[in-house]
Amino acid sequence: KRMKYLLLCVPAFFACNKELDVEKKGSYTTANYWRNQSDAVDGITGIY
């Protein structure tokens, strides 16, 4: 059994927060990520 995630392509981390069968929402870099509270919380989730 395997859990599959949507990968958000952020340098130095992957934020794993969506199940398979959802669209890729976009490509992110340090220039356009880390913008708001949601980004911060998702980034920390990527560490867990």
All heavy atoms as atom14 arrays in JSON, in Angstrom:
{
  "sequence": "KRMKYLLLCVPAFFACNKELDVEKKGSYTTANYWRNQSDAVDGITGIY",
  "atom14_mask": [
    [1, 1, 1, 1, 1, 1, 1, 1, 1, 0, 0, 0, 0, 0],
    [1, 1, 1, 1, 1, 1, 1, 1, 1, 1, 1, 0, 0, 0],
    [1, 1, 1, 1, 1, 1, 1, 1, 0, 0, 0, 0, 0, 0],
    [1, 1, 1, 1, 1, 1, 1, 1, 1, 0, 0, 0, 0, 0],
    [1, 1, 1, 1, 1, 1, 1, 1, 1, 1, 1, 1, 0, 0],
    [1, 1, 1, 1, 1, 1, 1, 1, 0, 0, 0, 0, 0, 0],
    [1, 1, 1, 1, 1, 1, 1, 1, 0, 0, 0, 0, 0, 0],
    [1, 1, 1, 1, 1, 1, 1, 1, 0, 0, 0, 0, 0, 0],
    [1, 1, 1, 1, 1, 1, 0, 0, 0, 0, 0, 0, 0, 0],
    [1, 1, 1, 1, 1, 1, 1, 0, 0, 0, 0, 0, 0, 0],
    [1, 1, 1, 1, 1, 1, 1, 0, 0, 0, 0, 0, 0, 0],
    [1, 1, 1, 1, 1, 0, 0, 0, 0, 0, 0, 0, 0, 0],
    [1, 1, 1, 1, 1, 1, 1, 1, 1, 1, 1, 0, 0, 0],
    [1, 1, 1, 1, 1, 1, 1, 1, 1, 1, 1, 0, 0, 0],
    [1, 1, 1, 1, 1, 0, 0, 0, 0, 0, 0, 0, 0, 0],
    [1, 1, 1, 1, 1, 1, 0, 0, 0, 0, 0, 0, 0, 0],
    [1, 1, 1, 1, 1, 1, 1, 1, 0, 0, 0, 0, 0, 0],
    [1, 1, 1, 1, 1, 1, 1, 1, 1, 0, 0, 0, 0, 0],
    [1, 1, 1, 1, 1, 1, 1, 1, 1, 0, 0, 0, 0, 0],
    [1, 1, 1, 1, 1, 1, 1, 1, 0, 0, 0, 0, 0, 0],
    [1, 1, 1, 1, 1, 1, 1, 1, 0, 0, 0, 0, 0, 0],
    [1, 1, 1, 1, 1, 1, 1, 0, 0, 0, 0, 0, 0, 0],
    [1, 1, 1, 1, 1, 1, 1, 1, 1, 0, 0, 0, 0, 0],
    [1, 1, 1, 1, 1, 1, 1, 1, 1, 0, 0, 0, 0, 0],
    [1, 1, 1, 1, 1, 1, 1, 1, 1, 0, 0, 0, 0, 0],
    [1, 1, 1, 1, 0, 0, 0, 0, 0, 0, 0, 0, 0, 0],
    [1, 1, 1, 1, 1, 1, 0, 0, 0, 0, 0, 0, 0, 0],
    [1, 1, 1, 1, 1, 1, 1, 1, 1, 1, 1, 1, 0, 0],
    [1, 1, 1, 1, 1, 1, 1, 0, 0, 0, 0, 0, 0, 0],
    [1, 1, 1, 1, 1, 1, 1, 0, 0, 0, 0, 0, 0, 0],
    [1, 1, 1, 1, 1, 0, 0, 0, 0, 0, 0, 0, 0, 0],
    [1, 1, 1, 1, 1, 1, 1, 1, 0, 0, 0, 0, 0, 0],
    [1, 1, 1, 1, 1, 1, 1, 1, 1, 1, 1, 1, 0, 0],
    [1, 1, 1, 1, 1, 1, 1, 1, 1, 1, 1, 1, 1, 1],
    [1, 1, 1, 1, 1, 1, 1, 1, 1, 1, 1, 0, 0, 0],
    [1, 1, 1, 1, 1, 1, 1, 1, 0, 0, 0, 0, 0, 0],
    [1, 1, 1, 1, 1, 1, 1, 1, 1, 0, 0, 0, 0, 0],
    [1, 1, 1, 1, 1, 1, 0, 0, 0, 0, 0, 0, 0, 0],
    [1, 1, 1, 1, 1, 1, 1, 1, 0, 0, 0, 0, 0, 0],
    [1, 1, 1, 1, 1, 0, 0, 0, 0, 0, 0, 0, 0, 0],
    [1, 1, 1, 1, 1, 1, 1, 0, 0, 0, 0, 0, 0, 0],
    [1, 1, 1, 1, 1, 1, 1, 1, 0, 0, 0, 0, 0, 0],
    [1, 1, 1, 1, 0, 0, 0, 0, 0, 0, 0, 0, 0, 0],
    [1, 1, 1, 1, 1, 1, 1, 1, 0, 0, 0, 0, 0, 0],
    [1, 1, 1, 1, 1, 1, 1, 0, 0, 0, 0, 0, 0, 0],
    [1, 1, 1, 1, 0, 0, 0, 0, 0, 0, 0, 0, 0, 0],
    [1, 1, 1, 1, 1, 1, 1, 1, 0, 0, 0, 0, 0, 0],
    [1, 1, 1, 1, 1, 1, 1, 1, 1, 1, 1, 1, 0, 0]
  ],
  "atom14_positions": [
    [[0.83, -1.19, 0.0], [0.0, 0.0, 0.0], [0.87, 1.25, 0.0], [1.84, 1.34, 0.72], [-0.86, -0.05, 1.27], [-1.73, 1.14, 1.51], [-2.48, 0.89, 2.81], [-3.28, 2.08, 3.22], [-3.92, 1.85, 4.51], [0.0, 0.0, 0.0], [0.0, 0.0, 0.0], [0.0, 0.0, 0.0], [0.0, 0.0, 0.0], [0.0, 0.0, 0.0]],
    [[0.53, 2.25, -0.82], [1.31, 3.47, -0.9], [0.39, 4.68, -0.92], [-0.64, 4.69, -1.56], [2.15, 3.51, -2.18], [3.36, 2.59, -2.12], [4.4, 3.16, -1.19], [5.58, 2.33, -1.19], [6.48, 2.38, -0.24], [6.35, 3.18, 0.76], [7.54, 1.61, -0.31], [0.0, 0.0, 0.0], [0.0, 0.0, 0.0], [0.0, 0.0, 0.0]],
    [[0.83, 5.73, -0.21], [0.11, 6.99, -0.29], [0.77, 7.83, -1.35], [1.99, 7.91, -1.41], [0.21, 7.73, 1.07], [-0.66, 8.96, 1.17], [-2.39, 8.56, 0.98], [-2.78, 9.45, -0.49], [0.0, 0.0, 0.0], [0.0, 0.0, 0.0], [0.0, 0.0, 0.0], [0.0, 0.0, 0.0], [0.0, 0.0, 0.0], [0.0, 0.0, 0.0]],
    [[-0.03, 8.44, -2.23], [0.53, 9.23, -3.31], [0.12, 10.68, -3.13], [-1.0, 11.0, -2.73], [0.04, 8.71, -4.66], [0.5, 7.27, -4.91], [0.04, 6.75, -6.25], [0.5, 5.32, -6.45], [0.05, 4.76, -7.72], [0.0, 0.0, 0.0], [0.0, 0.0, 0.0], [0.0, 0.0, 0.0], [0.0, 0.0, 0.0], [0.0, 0.0, 0.0]],
    [[1.03, 11.59, -3.41], [0.82, 13.0, -3.17], [1.05, 13.82, -4.43], [1.83, 13.45, -5.31], [1.81, 13.52, -2.12], [1.72, 12.85, -0.78], [2.71, 11.96, -0.38], [0.66, 13.09, 0.08], [2.64, 11.34, 0.85], [0.59, 12.48, 1.32], [1.58, 11.61, 1.7], [1.51, 11.0, 2.91], [0.0, 0.0, 0.0], [0.0, 0.0, 0.0]],
    [[0.4, 14.97, -4.49], [0.76, 15.99, -5.47], [2.02, 16.67, -4.97], [2.1, 17.07, -3.82], [-0.37, 17.03, -5.58], [-0.03, 18.3, -6.36], [0.09, 17.97, -7.84], [-1.12, 19.35, -6.16], [0.0, 0.0, 0.0], [0.0, 0.0, 0.0], [0.0, 0.0, 0.0], [0.0, 0.0, 0.0], [0.0, 0.0, 0.0], [0.0, 0.0, 0.0]],
    [[3.01, 16.8, -5.82], [4.26, 17.45, -5.41], [4.26, 18.9, -5.87], [4.1, 19.19, -7.04], [5.45, 16.71, -6.02], [5.59, 15.24, -5.61], [6.85, 14.65, -6.24], [5.62, 15.08, -4.1], [0.0, 0.0, 0.0], [0.0, 0.0, 0.0], [0.0, 0.0, 0.0], [0.0, 0.0, 0.0], [0.0, 0.0, 0.0], [0.0, 0.0, 0.0]],
    [[4.42, 19.8, -4.93], [4.6, 21.21, -5.27], [6.09, 21.46, -5.4], [6.84, 21.25, -4.46], [4.0, 22.1, -4.17], [2.51, 21.87, -3.86], [2.06, 22.85, -2.8], [1.69, 22.02, -5.11], [0.0, 0.0, 0.0], [0.0, 0.0, 0.0], [0.0, 0.0, 0.0], [0.0, 0.0, 0.0], [0.0, 0.0, 0.0], [0.0, 0.0, 0.0]],
    [[6.53, 21.9, -6.55], [7.96, 21.94, -6.83], [8.6, 23.19, -6.25], [8.88, 24.16, -6.95], [8.2, 21.85, -8.32], [7.51, 20.34, -9.02], [0.0, 0.0, 0.0], [0.0, 0.0, 0.0], [0.0, 0.0, 0.0], [0.0, 0.0, 0.0], [0.0, 0.0, 0.0], [0.0, 0.0, 0.0], [0.0, 0.0, 0.0], [0.0, 0.0, 0.0]],
    [[8.84, 23.16, -4.95], [9.46, 24.27, -4.25], [10.88, 23.88, -3.9], [11.11, 22.78, -3.4], [8.69, 24.56, -2.93], [9.27, 25.76, -2.23], [7.22, 24.78, -3.26], [0.0, 0.0, 0.0], [0.0, 0.0, 0.0], [0.0, 0.0, 0.0], [0.0, 0.0, 0.0], [0.0, 0.0, 0.0], [0.0, 0.0, 0.0], [0.0, 0.0, 0.0]],
    [[11.87, 24.72, -4.18], [13.23, 24.37, -3.8], [13.32, 24.0, -2.34], [12.77, 24.69, -1.48], [14.01, 25.66, -4.1], [13.24, 26.32, -5.18], [11.79, 26.02, -4.87], [0.0, 0.0, 0.0], [0.0, 0.0, 0.0], [0.0, 0.0, 0.0], [0.0, 0.0, 0.0], [0.0, 0.0, 0.0], [0.0, 0.0, 0.0], [0.0, 0.0, 0.0]],
    [[13.99, 22.9, -2.06], [14.3, 22.43, -0.72], [13.14, 21.78, 0.0], [13.29, 21.34, 1.11], [14.87, 23.55, 0.15], [0.0, 0.0, 0.0], [0.0, 0.0, 0.0], [0.0, 0.0, 0.0], [0.0, 0.0, 0.0], [0.0, 0.0, 0.0], [0.0, 0.0, 0.0], [0.0, 0.0, 0.0], [0.0, 0.0, 0.0], [0.0, 0.0, 0.0]],
    [[11.94, 21.74, -0.56], [10.93, 20.93, 0.08], [9.81, 20.58, -0.88], [9.58, 21.25, -1.86], [10.35, 21.61, 1.33], [9.36, 22.7, 1.05], [8.01, 22.43, 0.92], [9.79, 24.0, 0.89], [7.1, 23.43, 0.66], [8.89, 25.01, 0.63], [7.54, 24.73, 0.51], [0.0, 0.0, 0.0], [0.0, 0.0, 0.0], [0.0, 0.0, 0.0]],
    [[9.09, 19.51, -0.52], [7.88, 19.14, -1.22], [6.73, 19.25, -0.24], [6.79, 18.69, 0.83], [7.94, 17.69, -1.73], [9.01, 17.44, -2.73], [10.14, 16.73, -2.39], [8.91, 17.94, -4.03], [11.13, 16.49, -3.31], [9.88, 17.7, -4.95], [11.02, 16.98, -4.6], [0.0, 0.0, 0.0], [0.0, 0.0, 0.0], [0.0, 0.0, 0.0]],
    [[5.7, 19.99, -0.58], [4.54, 20.09, 0.29], [3.53, 19.05, -0.13], [2.98, 19.12, -1.22], [3.91, 21.48, 0.2], [0.0, 0.0, 0.0], [0.0, 0.0, 0.0], [0.0, 0.0, 0.0], [0.0, 0.0, 0.0], [0.0, 0.0, 0.0], [0.0, 0.0, 0.0], [0.0, 0.0, 0.0], [0.0, 0.0, 0.0], [0.0, 0.0, 0.0]],
    [[3.32, 18.06, 0.71], [2.48, 16.93, 0.36], [1.11, 17.1, 0.99], [0.94, 16.81, 2.16], [3.12, 15.63, 0.84], [4.76, 15.39, 0.14], [0.0, 0.0, 0.0], [0.0, 0.0, 0.0], [0.0, 0.0, 0.0], [0.0, 0.0, 0.0], [0.0, 0.0, 0.0], [0.0, 0.0, 0.0], [0.0, 0.0, 0.0], [0.0, 0.0, 0.0]],
    [[0.15, 17.62, 0.22], [-1.12, 17.93, 0.86], [-2.33, 17.61, 0.0], [-3.43, 18.03, 0.33], [-1.15, 19.41, 1.26], [-0.99, 20.34, 0.07], [-0.81, 19.89, -1.04], [-1.04, 21.64, 0.33], [0.0, 0.0, 0.0], [0.0, 0.0, 0.0], [0.0, 0.0, 0.0], [0.0, 0.0, 0.0], [0.0, 0.0, 0.0], [0.0, 0.0, 0.0]],
    [[-2.19, 16.86, -1.07], [-3.33, 16.51, -1.9], [-3.24, 15.05, -2.3], [-2.16, 14.51, -2.51], [-3.36, 17.36, -3.18], [-3.5, 18.87, -2.92], [-4.89, 19.23, -2.43], [-5.03, 20.74, -2.29], [-6.35, 21.12, -1.79], [0.0, 0.0, 0.0], [0.0, 0.0, 0.0], [0.0, 0.0, 0.0], [0.0, 0.0, 0.0], [0.0, 0.0, 0.0]],
    [[-4.4, 14.42, -2.44], [-4.41, 13.05, -2.91], [-4.16, 13.0, -4.41], [-4.25, 14.01, -5.12], [-5.76, 12.41, -2.61], [-5.92, 11.98, -1.16], [-7.15, 11.13, -0.99], [-8.23, 11.72, -0.85], [-7.02, 9.91, -1.01], [0.0, 0.0, 0.0], [0.0, 0.0, 0.0], [0.0, 0.0, 0.0], [0.0, 0.0, 0.0], [0.0, 0.0, 0.0]],
    [[-3.86, 11.8, -4.88], [-3.76, 11.55, -6.31], [-5.1, 11.89, -6.97], [-6.13, 11.96, -6.31], [-3.42, 10.08, -6.53], [-3.05, 9.66, -7.95], [-1.74, 10.32, -8.37], [-2.9, 8.15, -8.0], [0.0, 0.0, 0.0], [0.0, 0.0, 0.0], [0.0, 0.0, 0.0], [0.0, 0.0, 0.0], [0.0, 0.0, 0.0], [0.0, 0.0, 0.0]],
    [[-5.07, 12.11, -8.26], [-6.25, 12.42, -9.05], [-6.71, 13.87, -8.89], [-7.89, 14.17, -9.07], [-7.43, 11.48, -8.72], [-7.09, 10.03, -8.99], [-6.3, 9.78, -9.92], [-7.59, 9.16, -8.27], [0.0, 0.0, 0.0], [0.0, 0.0, 0.0], [0.0, 0.0, 0.0], [0.0, 0.0, 0.0], [0.0, 0.0, 0.0], [0.0, 0.0, 0.0]],
    [[-5.79, 14.76, -8.55], [-6.08, 16.18, -8.6], [-5.09, 16.82, -9.55], [-3.99, 16.3, -9.77], [-5.99, 16.85, -7.21], [-7.05, 16.29, -6.29], [-4.61, 16.67, -6.6], [0.0, 0.0, 0.0], [0.0, 0.0, 0.0], [0.0, 0.0, 0.0], [0.0, 0.0, 0.0], [0.0, 0.0, 0.0], [0.0, 0.0, 0.0], [0.0, 0.0, 0.0]],
    [[-5.46, 17.93, -10.13], [-4.57, 18.58, -11.09], [-3.39, 19.22, -10.39], [-3.48, 19.68, -9.27], [-5.33, 19.69, -11.83], [-6.37, 19.21, -12.8], [-7.0, 20.38, -13.54], [-6.29, 21.38, -13.75], [-8.18, 20.3, -13.86], [0.0, 0.0, 0.0], [0.0, 0.0, 0.0], [0.0, 0.0, 0.0], [0.0, 0.0, 0.0], [0.0, 0.0, 0.0]],
    [[-2.27, 19.24, -11.09], [-1.14, 20.01, -10.63], [-1.51, 21.49, -10.71], [-1.99, 21.98, -11.73], [0.08, 19.73, -11.52], [1.32, 20.49, -11.1], [2.48, 20.14, -12.01], [3.71, 20.96, -11.67], [4.81, 20.68, -12.59], [0.0, 0.0, 0.0], [0.0, 0.0, 0.0], [0.0, 0.0, 0.0], [0.0, 0.0, 0.0], [0.0, 0.0, 0.0]],
    [[-1.33, 22.23, -9.61], [-1.8, 23.6, -9.54], [-0.78, 24.62, -10.04], [-1.11, 25.78, -10.24], [-2.15, 23.94, -8.08], [-3.26, 23.05, -7.5], [-4.53, 23.14, -8.32], [-5.64, 22.28, -7.71], [-6.86, 22.29, -8.52], [0.0, 0.0, 0.0], [0.0, 0.0, 0.0], [0.0, 0.0, 0.0], [0.0, 0.0, 0.0], [0.0, 0.0, 0.0]],
    [[0.44, 24.21, -10.24], [1.42, 25.15, -10.75], [2.81, 24.82, -10.25], [3.0, 23.98, -9.38], [0.0, 0.0, 0.0], [0.0, 0.0, 0.0], [0.0, 0.0, 0.0], [0.0, 0.0, 0.0], [0.0, 0.0, 0.0], [0.0, 0.0, 0.0], [0.0, 0.0, 0.0], [0.0, 0.0, 0.0], [0.0, 0.0, 0.0], [0.0, 0.0, 0.0]],
    [[3.79, 25.48, -10.82], [5.17, 25.31, -10.4], [5.55, 26.5, -9.53], [5.21, 27.64, -9.83], [6.09, 25.23, -11.62], [5.81, 24.07, -12.36], [0.0, 0.0, 0.0], [0.0, 0.0, 0.0], [0.0, 0.0, 0.0], [0.0, 0.0, 0.0], [0.0, 0.0, 0.0], [0.0, 0.0, 0.0], [0.0, 0.0, 0.0], [0.0, 0.0, 0.0]],
    [[6.27, 26.2, -8.46], [6.62, 27.24, -7.51], [8.13, 27.3, -7.33], [8.82, 26.29, -7.38], [5.95, 26.97, -6.16], [4.44, 27.02, -6.21], [3.7, 25.89, -6.52], [3.77, 28.21, -5.98], [2.32, 25.93, -6.58], [2.39, 28.27, -6.03], [1.67, 27.13, -6.33], [0.3, 27.18, -6.39], [0.0, 0.0, 0.0], [0.0, 0.0, 0.0]],
    [[8.62, 28.49, -7.08], [10.01, 28.72, -6.73], [10.03, 29.6, -5.5], [8.98, 30.08, -5.04], [10.77, 29.42, -7.86], [10.29, 30.77, -7.97], [10.59, 28.69, -9.19], [0.0, 0.0, 0.0], [0.0, 0.0, 0.0], [0.0, 0.0, 0.0], [0.0, 0.0, 0.0], [0.0, 0.0, 0.0], [0.0, 0.0, 0.0], [0.0, 0.0, 0.0]],
    [[11.22, 29.84, -4.95], [11.31, 30.72, -3.8], [10.89, 32.14, -4.14], [10.59, 32.93, -3.24], [12.74, 30.73, -3.23], [13.65, 31.0, -4.31], [13.08, 29.4, -2.61], [0.0, 0.0, 0.0], [0.0, 0.0, 0.0], [0.0, 0.0, 0.0], [0.0, 0.0, 0.0], [0.0, 0.0, 0.0], [0.0, 0.0, 0.0], [0.0, 0.0, 0.0]],
    [[10.83, 32.48, -5.41], [10.41, 33.83, -5.81], [8.9, 34.0, -5.75], [8.4, 35.12, -5.57], [10.91, 34.14, -7.22], [0.0, 0.0, 0.0], [0.0, 0.0, 0.0], [0.0, 0.0, 0.0], [0.0, 0.0, 0.0], [0.0, 0.0, 0.0], [0.0, 0.0, 0.0], [0.0, 0.0, 0.0], [0.0, 0.0, 0.0], [0.0, 0.0, 0.0]],
    [[8.14, 32.9, -5.9], [6.68, 33.05, -5.9], [5.97, 32.15, -4.89], [4.75, 32.06, -4.9], [6.1, 32.82, -7.3], [6.29, 31.39, -7.8], [6.73, 30.51, -7.06], [5.98, 31.16, -9.05], [0.0, 0.0, 0.0], [0.0, 0.0, 0.0], [0.0, 0.0, 0.0], [0.0, 0.0, 0.0], [0.0, 0.0, 0.0], [0.0, 0.0, 0.0]],
    [[6.74, 31.47, -4.04], [6.12, 30.71, -2.95], [6.17, 31.59, -1.7], [6.08, 32.79, -1.78], [6.83, 29.37, -2.75], [6.02, 28.44, -1.86], [4.85, 27.87, -2.32], [6.4, 28.2, -0.54], [4.08, 27.06, -1.5], [5.64, 27.39, 0.28], [4.48, 26.83, -0.2], [3.72, 26.03, 0.62], [0.0, 0.0, 0.0], [0.0, 0.0, 0.0]],
    [[6.23, 31.07, -0.51], [6.43, 31.82, 0.74], [5.78, 33.2, 0.72], [6.39, 34.2, 1.09], [7.92, 31.94, 1.05], [8.66, 30.65, 1.13], [9.62, 30.21, 0.26], [8.5, 29.62, 2.11], [10.07, 28.97, 0.65], [9.4, 28.57, 1.79], [7.68, 29.47, 3.24], [9.51, 27.42, 2.54], [7.79, 28.31, 4.0], [8.69, 27.31, 3.64]],
    [[4.51, 33.25, 0.27], [3.84, 34.55, 0.12], [2.93, 34.89, 1.29], [2.71, 36.07, 1.59], [2.99, 34.56, -1.16], [3.72, 34.25, -2.44], [2.77, 33.67, -3.48], [2.17, 32.42, -3.0], [1.28, 31.71, -3.66], [0.84, 32.14, -4.83], [0.79, 30.59, -3.16], [0.0, 0.0, 0.0], [0.0, 0.0, 0.0], [0.0, 0.0, 0.0]],
    [[2.37, 33.86, 1.93], [1.31, 34.13, 2.89], [1.26, 33.01, 3.93], [2.09, 32.09, 3.93], [-0.04, 34.24, 2.17], [-0.28, 33.05, 1.23], [0.01, 31.91, 1.58], [-0.8, 33.33, 0.03], [0.0, 0.0, 0.0], [0.0, 0.0, 0.0], [0.0, 0.0, 0.0], [0.0, 0.0, 0.0], [0.0, 0.0, 0.0], [0.0, 0.0, 0.0]],
    [[0.27, 33.08, 4.79], [0.15, 32.11, 5.88], [-0.03, 30.69, 5.37], [0.55, 29.74, 5.9], [-1.03, 32.5, 6.78], [-1.26, 31.56, 7.95], [-2.23, 32.13, 8.95], [-1.99, 33.22, 9.48], [-3.31, 31.42, 9.23], [0.0, 0.0, 0.0], [0.0, 0.0, 0.0], [0.0, 0.0, 0.0], [0.0, 0.0, 0.0], [0.0, 0.0, 0.0]],
    [[-0.84, 30.52, 4.33], [-1.07, 29.19, 3.78], [0.22, 28.57, 3.29], [0.49, 27.37, 3.53], [-2.09, 29.26, 2.65], [-2.3, 27.98, 2.09], [0.0, 0.0, 0.0], [0.0, 0.0, 0.0], [0.0, 0.0, 0.0], [0.0, 0.0, 0.0], [0.0, 0.0, 0.0], [0.0, 0.0, 0.0], [0.0, 0.0, 0.0], [0.0, 0.0, 0.0]],
    [[1.05, 29.36, 2.62], [2.33, 28.85, 2.14], [3.22, 28.42, 3.31], [3.89, 27.38, 3.26], [3.06, 29.93, 1.33], [2.45, 30.16, -0.04], [1.54, 29.4, -0.42], [2.88, 31.1, -0.72], [0.0, 0.0, 0.0], [0.0, 0.0, 0.0], [0.0, 0.0, 0.0], [0.0, 0.0, 0.0], [0.0, 0.0, 0.0], [0.0, 0.0, 0.0]],
    [[3.22, 29.24, 4.37], [4.05, 28.92, 5.53], [3.61, 27.61, 6.18], [4.44, 26.74, 6.48], [4.0, 30.07, 6.53], [0.0, 0.0, 0.0], [0.0, 0.0, 0.0], [0.0, 0.0, 0.0], [0.0, 0.0, 0.0], [0.0, 0.0, 0.0], [0.0, 0.0, 0.0], [0.0, 0.0, 0.0], [0.0, 0.0, 0.0], [0.0, 0.0, 0.0]],
    [[2.31, 27.47, 6.39], [1.8, 26.26, 7.04], [2.05, 25.03, 6.17], [2.47, 23.98, 6.66], [0.3, 26.42, 7.36], [-0.3, 25.1, 7.84], [0.1, 27.51, 8.41], [0.0, 0.0, 0.0], [0.0, 0.0, 0.0], [0.0, 0.0, 0.0], [0.0, 0.0, 0.0], [0.0, 0.0, 0.0], [0.0, 0.0, 0.0], [0.0, 0.0, 0.0]],
    [[1.82, 25.16, 4.85], [2.09, 24.03, 3.95], [3.58, 23.68, 3.92], [3.95, 22.51, 3.83], [1.61, 24.35, 2.54], [0.09, 24.27, 2.4], [-0.56, 23.76, 3.33], [-0.43, 24.71, 1.37], [0.0, 0.0, 0.0], [0.0, 0.0, 0.0], [0.0, 0.0, 0.0], [0.0, 0.0, 0.0], [0.0, 0.0, 0.0], [0.0, 0.0, 0.0]],
    [[4.42, 24.7, 3.97], [5.85, 24.45, 3.97], [6.28, 23.67, 5.19], [7.1, 22.75, 5.11], [0.0, 0.0, 0.0], [0.0, 0.0, 0.0], [0.0, 0.0, 0.0], [0.0, 0.0, 0.0], [0.0, 0.0, 0.0], [0.0, 0.0, 0.0], [0.0, 0.0, 0.0], [0.0, 0.0, 0.0], [0.0, 0.0, 0.0], [0.0, 0.0, 0.0]],
    [[5.72, 24.0, 6.35], [6.03, 23.25, 7.57], [5.46, 21.84, 7.51], [6.1, 20.87, 7.94], [5.5, 24.0, 8.81], [6.21, 25.37, 8.95], [5.69, 23.17, 10.07], [7.71, 25.29, 9.12], [0.0, 0.0, 0.0], [0.0, 0.0, 0.0], [0.0, 0.0, 0.0], [0.0, 0.0, 0.0], [0.0, 0.0, 0.0], [0.0, 0.0, 0.0]],
    [[4.27, 21.69, 6.93], [3.71, 20.35, 6.75], [4.65, 19.48, 5.93], [4.79, 18.28, 6.18], [2.33, 20.44, 6.05], [1.45, 21.2, 6.87], [1.74, 19.06, 5.82], [0.0, 0.0, 0.0], [0.0, 0.0, 0.0], [0.0, 0.0, 0.0], [0.0, 0.0, 0.0], [0.0, 0.0, 0.0], [0.0, 0.0, 0.0], [0.0, 0.0, 0.0]],
    [[5.31, 20.1, 4.97], [6.28, 19.37, 4.15], [7.43, 18.82, 4.97], [8.03, 17.8, 4.6], [0.0, 0.0, 0.0], [0.0, 0.0, 0.0], [0.0, 0.0, 0.0], [0.0, 0.0, 0.0], [0.0, 0.0, 0.0], [0.0, 0.0, 0.0], [0.0, 0.0, 0.0], [0.0, 0.0, 0.0], [0.0, 0.0, 0.0], [0.0, 0.0, 0.0]],
    [[7.76, 19.47, 6.09], [8.82, 18.95, 6.96], [8.3, 17.74, 7.73], [8.97, 16.69, 7.81], [9.32, 20.03, 7.94], [9.76, 21.28, 7.19], [10.48, 19.47, 8.76], [10.17, 22.43, 8.1], [0.0, 0.0, 0.0], [0.0, 0.0, 0.0], [0.0, 0.0, 0.0], [0.0, 0.0, 0.0], [0.0, 0.0, 0.0], [0.0, 0.0, 0.0]],
    [[7.1, 17.86, 8.3], [6.51, 16.71, 9.01], [6.42, 15.49, 8.11], [6.61, 14.35, 8.56], [5.12, 17.07, 9.52], [5.06, 17.89, 10.77], [4.97, 19.28, 10.72], [5.08, 17.29, 12.03], [4.89, 20.05, 11.87], [5.01, 18.04, 13.19], [4.92, 19.42, 13.12], [4.85, 20.18, 14.26], [0.0, 0.0, 0.0], [0.0, 0.0, 0.0]]
  ]
}
